[in-house]
Amino acid sequence: RILYELEDVSKSYGEKQVLSGVEL
């Protein structure tokens, strides 16, 4: 029923943060 669950996912490239605290 659930294929993927994202909990508090963040992504940074060096000092640049692109995604922060993604819940999906």
PDB file of all heavy atoms in Angstrom:
ATOM      1  N   ARG A   1       0.831  -1.216   0.000  1.00  0.00           N
ATOM      2  CA  ARG A   1       0.000   0.000   0.000  1.00  0.00           C
ATOM      3  C   ARG A   1       0.857   1.254   0.000  1.00  0.00           C
ATOM      4  O   ARG A   1       0.543   2.241  -0.661  1.00  0.00           O
ATOM      5  CB  ARG A   1      -0.938   0.007   1.204  1.00  0.00           C
ATOM      6  CG  ARG A   1      -1.934   1.167   1.185  1.00  0.00           C
ATOM      7  CD  ARG A   1      -2.888   1.103   2.364  1.00  0.00           C
ATOM      8  NE  ARG A   1      -2.209   1.304   3.631  1.00  0.00           N
ATOM      9  CZ  ARG A   1      -1.956   2.523   4.148  1.00  0.00           C
ATOM     10  NH1 ARG A   1      -2.312   3.609   3.490  1.00  0.00           N
ATOM     11  NH2 ARG A   1      -1.348   2.646   5.304  1.00  0.00           N
ATOM     12  N   ILE A   2       1.957   1.233   0.766  1.00  0.00           N
ATOM     13  CA  ILE A   2       2.886   2.359   0.818  1.00  0.00           C
ATOM     14  C   ILE A   2       4.132   1.986   0.029  1.00  0.00           C
ATOM     15  O   ILE A   2       4.800   0.993   0.351  1.00  0.00           O
ATOM     16  CB  ILE A   2       3.270   2.719   2.265  1.00  0.00           C
ATOM     17  CG1 ILE A   2       2.025   2.989   3.103  1.00  0.00           C
ATOM     18  CG2 ILE A   2       4.209   3.923   2.276  1.00  0.00           C
ATOM     19  CD1 ILE A   2       1.210   4.169   2.657  1.00  0.00           C
ATOM     20  N   LEU A   3       4.461   2.773  -1.003  1.00  0.00           N
ATOM     21  CA  LEU A   3       5.664   2.488  -1.783  1.00  0.00           C
ATOM     22  C   LEU A   3       6.894   3.145  -1.163  1.00  0.00           C
ATOM     23  O   LEU A   3       7.949   2.515  -1.064  1.00  0.00           O
ATOM     24  CB  LEU A   3       5.485   2.956  -3.228  1.00  0.00           C
ATOM     25  CG  LEU A   3       4.635   2.033  -4.104  1.00  0.00           C
ATOM     26  CD1 LEU A   3       3.155   2.288  -3.900  1.00  0.00           C
ATOM     27  CD2 LEU A   3       5.004   2.176  -5.567  1.00  0.00           C
ATOM     28  N   TYR A   4       6.746   4.415  -0.788  1.00  0.00           N
ATOM     29  CA  TYR A   4       7.847   5.118  -0.121  1.00  0.00           C
ATOM     30  C   TYR A   4       7.267   6.056   0.928  1.00  0.00           C
ATOM     31  O   TYR A   4       6.199   6.647   0.735  1.00  0.00           O
ATOM     32  CB  TYR A   4       8.684   5.940  -1.105  1.00  0.00           C
ATOM     33  CG  TYR A   4       9.678   5.124  -1.895  1.00  0.00           C
ATOM     34  CD1 TYR A   4       9.386   4.713  -3.189  1.00  0.00           C
ATOM     35  CD2 TYR A   4      10.911   4.763  -1.346  1.00  0.00           C
ATOM     36  CE1 TYR A   4      10.287   3.964  -3.922  1.00  0.00           C
ATOM     37  CE2 TYR A   4      11.821   4.009  -2.071  1.00  0.00           C
ATOM     38  CZ  TYR A   4      11.503   3.615  -3.352  1.00  0.00           C
ATOM     39  OH  TYR A   4      12.398   2.863  -4.060  1.00  0.00           O
ATOM     40  N   GLU A   5       8.011   6.194   2.020  1.00  0.00           N
ATOM     41  CA  GLU A   5       7.656   7.174   3.038  1.00  0.00           C
ATOM     42  C   GLU A   5       8.902   7.973   3.386  1.00  0.00           C
ATOM     43  O   GLU A   5       9.948   7.401   3.700  1.00  0.00           O
ATOM     44  CB  GLU A   5       7.100   6.482   4.280  1.00  0.00           C
ATOM     45  CG  GLU A   5       6.527   7.460   5.297  1.00  0.00           C
ATOM     46  CD  GLU A   5       5.697   6.781   6.370  1.00  0.00           C
ATOM     47  OE1 GLU A   5       5.577   5.537   6.344  1.00  0.00           O
ATOM     48  OE2 GLU A   5       5.163   7.498   7.249  1.00  0.00           O
ATOM     49  N   LEU A   6       8.788   9.297   3.290  1.00  0.00           N
ATOM     50  CA  LEU A   6       9.896  10.182   3.604  1.00  0.00           C
ATOM     51  C   LEU A   6       9.614  10.891   4.917  1.00  0.00           C
ATOM     52  O   LEU A   6       8.537  11.468   5.099  1.00  0.00           O
ATOM     53  CB  LEU A   6      10.103  11.223   2.502  1.00  0.00           C
ATOM     54  CG  LEU A   6      10.737  10.733   1.185  1.00  0.00           C
ATOM     55  CD1 LEU A   6       9.753   9.887   0.382  1.00  0.00           C
ATOM     56  CD2 LEU A   6      11.218  11.907   0.339  1.00  0.00           C
ATOM     57  N   GLU A   7      10.575  10.822   5.818  1.00  0.00           N
ATOM     58  CA  GLU A   7      10.427  11.426   7.139  1.00  0.00           C
ATOM     59  C   GLU A   7      11.559  12.423   7.373  1.00  0.00           C
ATOM     60  O   GLU A   7      12.737  12.042   7.420  1.00  0.00           O
ATOM     61  CB  GLU A   7      10.458  10.357   8.237  1.00  0.00           C
ATOM     62  CG  GLU A   7       9.335   9.334   8.139  1.00  0.00           C
ATOM     63  CD  GLU A   7       9.454   8.223   9.167  1.00  0.00           C
ATOM     64  OE1 GLU A   7      10.584   8.005   9.702  1.00  0.00           O
ATOM     65  OE2 GLU A   7       8.432   7.574   9.457  1.00  0.00           O
ATOM     66  N   ASP A   8      11.192  13.704   7.472  1.00  0.00           N
ATOM     67  CA  ASP A   8      12.151  14.766   7.792  1.00  0.00           C
ATOM     68  C   ASP A   8      13.375  14.727   6.868  1.00  0.00           C
ATOM     69  O   ASP A   8      14.518  14.870   7.316  1.00  0.00           O
ATOM     70  CB  ASP A   8      12.585  14.646   9.256  1.00  0.00           C
ATOM     71  CG  ASP A   8      13.240  15.921   9.786  1.00  0.00           C
ATOM     72  OD1 ASP A   8      12.939  17.007   9.253  1.00  0.00           O
ATOM     73  OD2 ASP A   8      14.071  15.827  10.713  1.00  0.00           O
ATOM     74  N   VAL A   9      13.133  14.543   5.581  1.00  0.00           N
ATOM     75  CA  VAL A   9      14.232  14.432   4.616  1.00  0.00           C
ATOM     76  C   VAL A   9      14.721  15.823   4.220  1.00  0.00           C
ATOM     77  O   VAL A   9      13.936  16.711   3.889  1.00  0.00           O
ATOM     78  CB  VAL A   9      13.782  13.646   3.369  1.00  0.00           C
ATOM     79  CG1 VAL A   9      14.805  13.777   2.242  1.00  0.00           C
ATOM     80  CG2 VAL A   9      13.568  12.185   3.722  1.00  0.00           C
ATOM     81  N   SER A  10      16.034  15.993   4.250  1.00  0.00           N
ATOM     82  CA  SER A  10      16.667  17.244   3.830  1.00  0.00           C
ATOM     83  C   SER A  10      17.804  16.937   2.868  1.00  0.00           C
ATOM     84  O   SER A  10      18.361  15.836   2.869  1.00  0.00           O
ATOM     85  CB  SER A  10      17.212  18.014   5.043  1.00  0.00           C
ATOM     86  OG  SER A  10      16.169  18.370   5.923  1.00  0.00           O
ATOM     87  N   LYS A  11      18.125  17.928   2.043  1.00  0.00           N
ATOM     88  CA  LYS A  11      19.232  17.777   1.105  1.00  0.00           C
ATOM     89  C   LYS A  11      19.956  19.098   0.939  1.00  0.00           C
ATOM     90  O   LYS A  11      19.338  20.139   0.686  1.00  0.00           O
ATOM     91  CB  LYS A  11      18.719  17.295  -0.263  1.00  0.00           C
ATOM     92  CG  LYS A  11      19.807  17.147  -1.320  1.00  0.00           C
ATOM     93  CD  LYS A  11      20.822  16.084  -0.961  1.00  0.00           C
ATOM     94  CE  LYS A  11      21.881  15.930  -2.045  1.00  0.00           C
ATOM     95  NZ  LYS A  11      22.897  14.900  -1.682  1.00  0.00           N
ATOM     96  N   SER A  12      21.276  19.038   1.076  1.00  0.00           N
ATOM     97  CA  SER A  12      22.114  20.218   0.891  1.00  0.00           C
ATOM     98  C   SER A  12      23.218  19.909  -0.104  1.00  0.00           C
ATOM     99  O   SER A  12      23.703  18.773  -0.179  1.00  0.00           O
ATOM    100  CB  SER A  12      22.728  20.654   2.220  1.00  0.00           C
ATOM    101  OG  SER A  12      21.726  20.998   3.157  1.00  0.00           O
ATOM    102  N   TYR A  13      23.591  20.936  -0.860  1.00  0.00           N
ATOM    103  CA  TYR A  13      24.765  20.865  -1.722  1.00  0.00           C
ATOM    104  C   TYR A  13      25.765  21.886  -1.169  1.00  0.00           C
ATOM    105  O   TYR A  13      25.629  23.077  -1.404  1.00  0.00           O
ATOM    106  CB  TYR A  13      24.412  21.188  -3.168  1.00  0.00           C
ATOM    107  CG  TYR A  13      23.487  20.186  -3.809  1.00  0.00           C
ATOM    108  CD1 TYR A  13      22.112  20.432  -3.897  1.00  0.00           C
ATOM    109  CD2 TYR A  13      23.972  18.992  -4.333  1.00  0.00           C
ATOM    110  CE1 TYR A  13      21.258  19.507  -4.494  1.00  0.00           C
ATOM    111  CE2 TYR A  13      23.121  18.062  -4.929  1.00  0.00           C
ATOM    112  CZ  TYR A  13      21.772  18.333  -5.009  1.00  0.00           C
ATOM    113  OH  TYR A  13      20.929  17.415  -5.595  1.00  0.00           O
ATOM    114  N   GLY A  14      26.715  21.392  -0.408  1.00  0.00           N
ATOM    115  CA  GLY A  14      27.619  22.302   0.282  1.00  0.00           C
ATOM    116  C   GLY A  14      26.849  23.106   1.313  1.00  0.00           C
ATOM    117  O   GLY A  14      26.131  22.557   2.143  1.00  0.00           O
ATOM    118  N   GLU A  15      26.941  24.434   1.220  1.00  0.00           N
ATOM    119  CA  GLU A  15      26.232  25.300   2.159  1.00  0.00           C
ATOM    120  C   GLU A  15      24.803  25.605   1.702  1.00  0.00           C
ATOM    121  O   GLU A  15      24.017  26.165   2.468  1.00  0.00           O
ATOM    122  CB  GLU A  15      26.999  26.614   2.342  1.00  0.00           C
ATOM    123  CG  GLU A  15      28.381  26.432   2.982  1.00  0.00           C
ATOM    124  CD  GLU A  15      29.090  27.759   3.191  1.00  0.00           C
ATOM    125  OE1 GLU A  15      28.516  28.795   2.769  1.00  0.00           O
ATOM    126  OE2 GLU A  15      30.186  27.763   3.759  1.00  0.00           O
ATOM    127  N   LYS A  16      24.470  25.250   0.482  1.00  0.00           N
ATOM    128  CA  LYS A  16      23.135  25.547  -0.044  1.00  0.00           C
ATOM    129  C   LYS A  16      22.171  24.420   0.293  1.00  0.00           C
ATOM    130  O   LYS A  16      22.337  23.280  -0.156  1.00  0.00           O
ATOM    131  CB  LYS A  16      23.187  25.742  -1.561  1.00  0.00           C
ATOM    132  CG  LYS A  16      21.825  26.059  -2.174  1.00  0.00           C
ATOM    133  CD  LYS A  16      21.939  26.344  -3.647  1.00  0.00           C
ATOM    134  CE  LYS A  16      20.574  26.574  -4.294  1.00  0.00           C
ATOM    135  NZ  LYS A  16      19.829  27.670  -3.683  1.00  0.00           N
ATOM    136  N   GLN A  17      21.140  24.722   1.086  1.00  0.00           N
ATOM    137  CA  GLN A  17      20.121  23.739   1.426  1.00  0.00           C
ATOM    138  C   GLN A  17      18.965  23.860   0.445  1.00  0.00           C
ATOM    139  O   GLN A  17      18.333  24.893   0.319  1.00  0.00           O
ATOM    140  CB  GLN A  17      19.611  23.925   2.856  1.00  0.00           C
ATOM    141  CG  GLN A  17      18.657  22.829   3.295  1.00  0.00           C
ATOM    142  CD  GLN A  17      18.491  22.770   4.801  1.00  0.00           C
ATOM    143  OE1 GLN A  17      18.450  23.797   5.461  1.00  0.00           O
ATOM    144  NE2 GLN A  17      18.389  21.560   5.346  1.00  0.00           N
ATOM    145  N   VAL A  18      18.693  22.756  -0.249  1.00  0.00           N
ATOM    146  CA  VAL A  18      17.659  22.744  -1.276  1.00  0.00           C
ATOM    147  C   VAL A  18      16.325  22.270  -0.707  1.00  0.00           C
ATOM    148  O   VAL A  18      15.272  22.821  -1.027  1.00  0.00           O
ATOM    149  CB  VAL A  18      18.080  21.844  -2.461  1.00  0.00           C
ATOM    150  CG1 VAL A  18      16.993  21.820  -3.536  1.00  0.00           C
ATOM    151  CG2 VAL A  18      19.398  22.321  -3.055  1.00  0.00           C
ATOM    152  N   LEU A  19      16.362  21.238   0.128  1.00  0.00           N
ATOM    153  CA  LEU A  19      15.162  20.687   0.751  1.00  0.00           C
ATOM    154  C   LEU A  19      15.353  20.611   2.254  1.00  0.00           C
ATOM    155  O   LEU A  19      16.442  20.313   2.735  1.00  0.00           O
ATOM    156  CB  LEU A  19      14.863  19.289   0.196  1.00  0.00           C
ATOM    157  CG  LEU A  19      14.519  19.186  -1.292  1.00  0.00           C
ATOM    158  CD1 LEU A  19      14.480  17.727  -1.724  1.00  0.00           C
ATOM    159  CD2 LEU A  19      13.186  19.865  -1.591  1.00  0.00           C
ATOM    160  N   SER A  20      14.257  20.859   2.975  1.00  0.00           N
ATOM    161  CA  SER A  20      14.348  20.855   4.434  1.00  0.00           C
ATOM    162  C   SER A  20      13.099  20.234   5.042  1.00  0.00           C
ATOM    163  O   SER A  20      11.983  20.673   4.782  1.00  0.00           O
ATOM    164  CB  SER A  20      14.519  22.293   4.955  1.00  0.00           C
ATOM    165  OG  SER A  20      14.538  22.326   6.363  1.00  0.00           O
ATOM    166  N   GLY A  21      13.296  19.178   5.839  1.00  0.00           N
ATOM    167  CA  GLY A  21      12.202  18.577   6.604  1.00  0.00           C
ATOM    168  C   GLY A  21      11.044  18.077   5.770  1.00  0.00           C
ATOM    169  O   GLY A  21       9.877  18.233   6.158  1.00  0.00           O
ATOM    170  N   VAL A  22      11.320  17.442   4.635  1.00  0.00           N
ATOM    171  CA  VAL A  22      10.256  16.965   3.745  1.00  0.00           C
ATOM    172  C   VAL A  22       9.564  15.748   4.345  1.00  0.00           C
ATOM    173  O   VAL A  22      10.207  14.773   4.733  1.00  0.00           O
ATOM    174  CB  VAL A  22      10.822  16.609   2.359  1.00  0.00           C
ATOM    175  CG1 VAL A  22       9.759  15.916   1.503  1.00  0.00           C
ATOM    176  CG2 VAL A  22      11.321  17.868   1.657  1.00  0.00           C
ATOM    177  N   GLU A  23       8.239  15.810   4.406  1.00  0.00           N
ATOM    178  CA  GLU A  23       7.404  14.686   4.842  1.00  0.00           C
ATOM    179  C   GLU A  23       6.513  14.303   3.668  1.00  0.00           C
ATOM    180  O   GLU A  23       5.752  15.116   3.155  1.00  0.00           O
ATOM    181  CB  GLU A  23       6.533  15.078   6.043  1.00  0.00           C
ATOM    182  CG  GLU A  23       7.304  15.576   7.260  1.00  0.00           C
ATOM    183  CD  GLU A  23       7.908  14.442   8.077  1.00  0.00           C
ATOM    184  OE1 GLU A  23       7.437  13.290   7.903  1.00  0.00           O
ATOM    185  OE2 GLU A  23       8.829  14.696   8.860  1.00  0.00           O
ATOM    186  N   LEU A  24       6.615  13.048   3.223  1.00  0.00           N
ATOM    187  CA  LEU A  24       5.862  12.636   2.039  1.00  0.00           C
ATOM    188  C   LEU A  24       5.589  11.138   2.101  1.00  0.00           C
ATOM    189  O   LEU A  24       6.470  10.344   2.426  1.00  0.00           O
ATOM    190  CB  LEU A  24       6.663  12.953   0.767  1.00  0.00           C
ATOM    191  CG  LEU A  24       6.067  12.512  -0.577  1.00  0.00           C
ATOM    192  CD1 LEU A  24       4.747  13.194  -0.832  1.00  0.00           C
ATOM    193  CD2 LEU A  24       7.052  12.789  -1.701  1.00  0.00           C
TER     194      LEU A  24
END
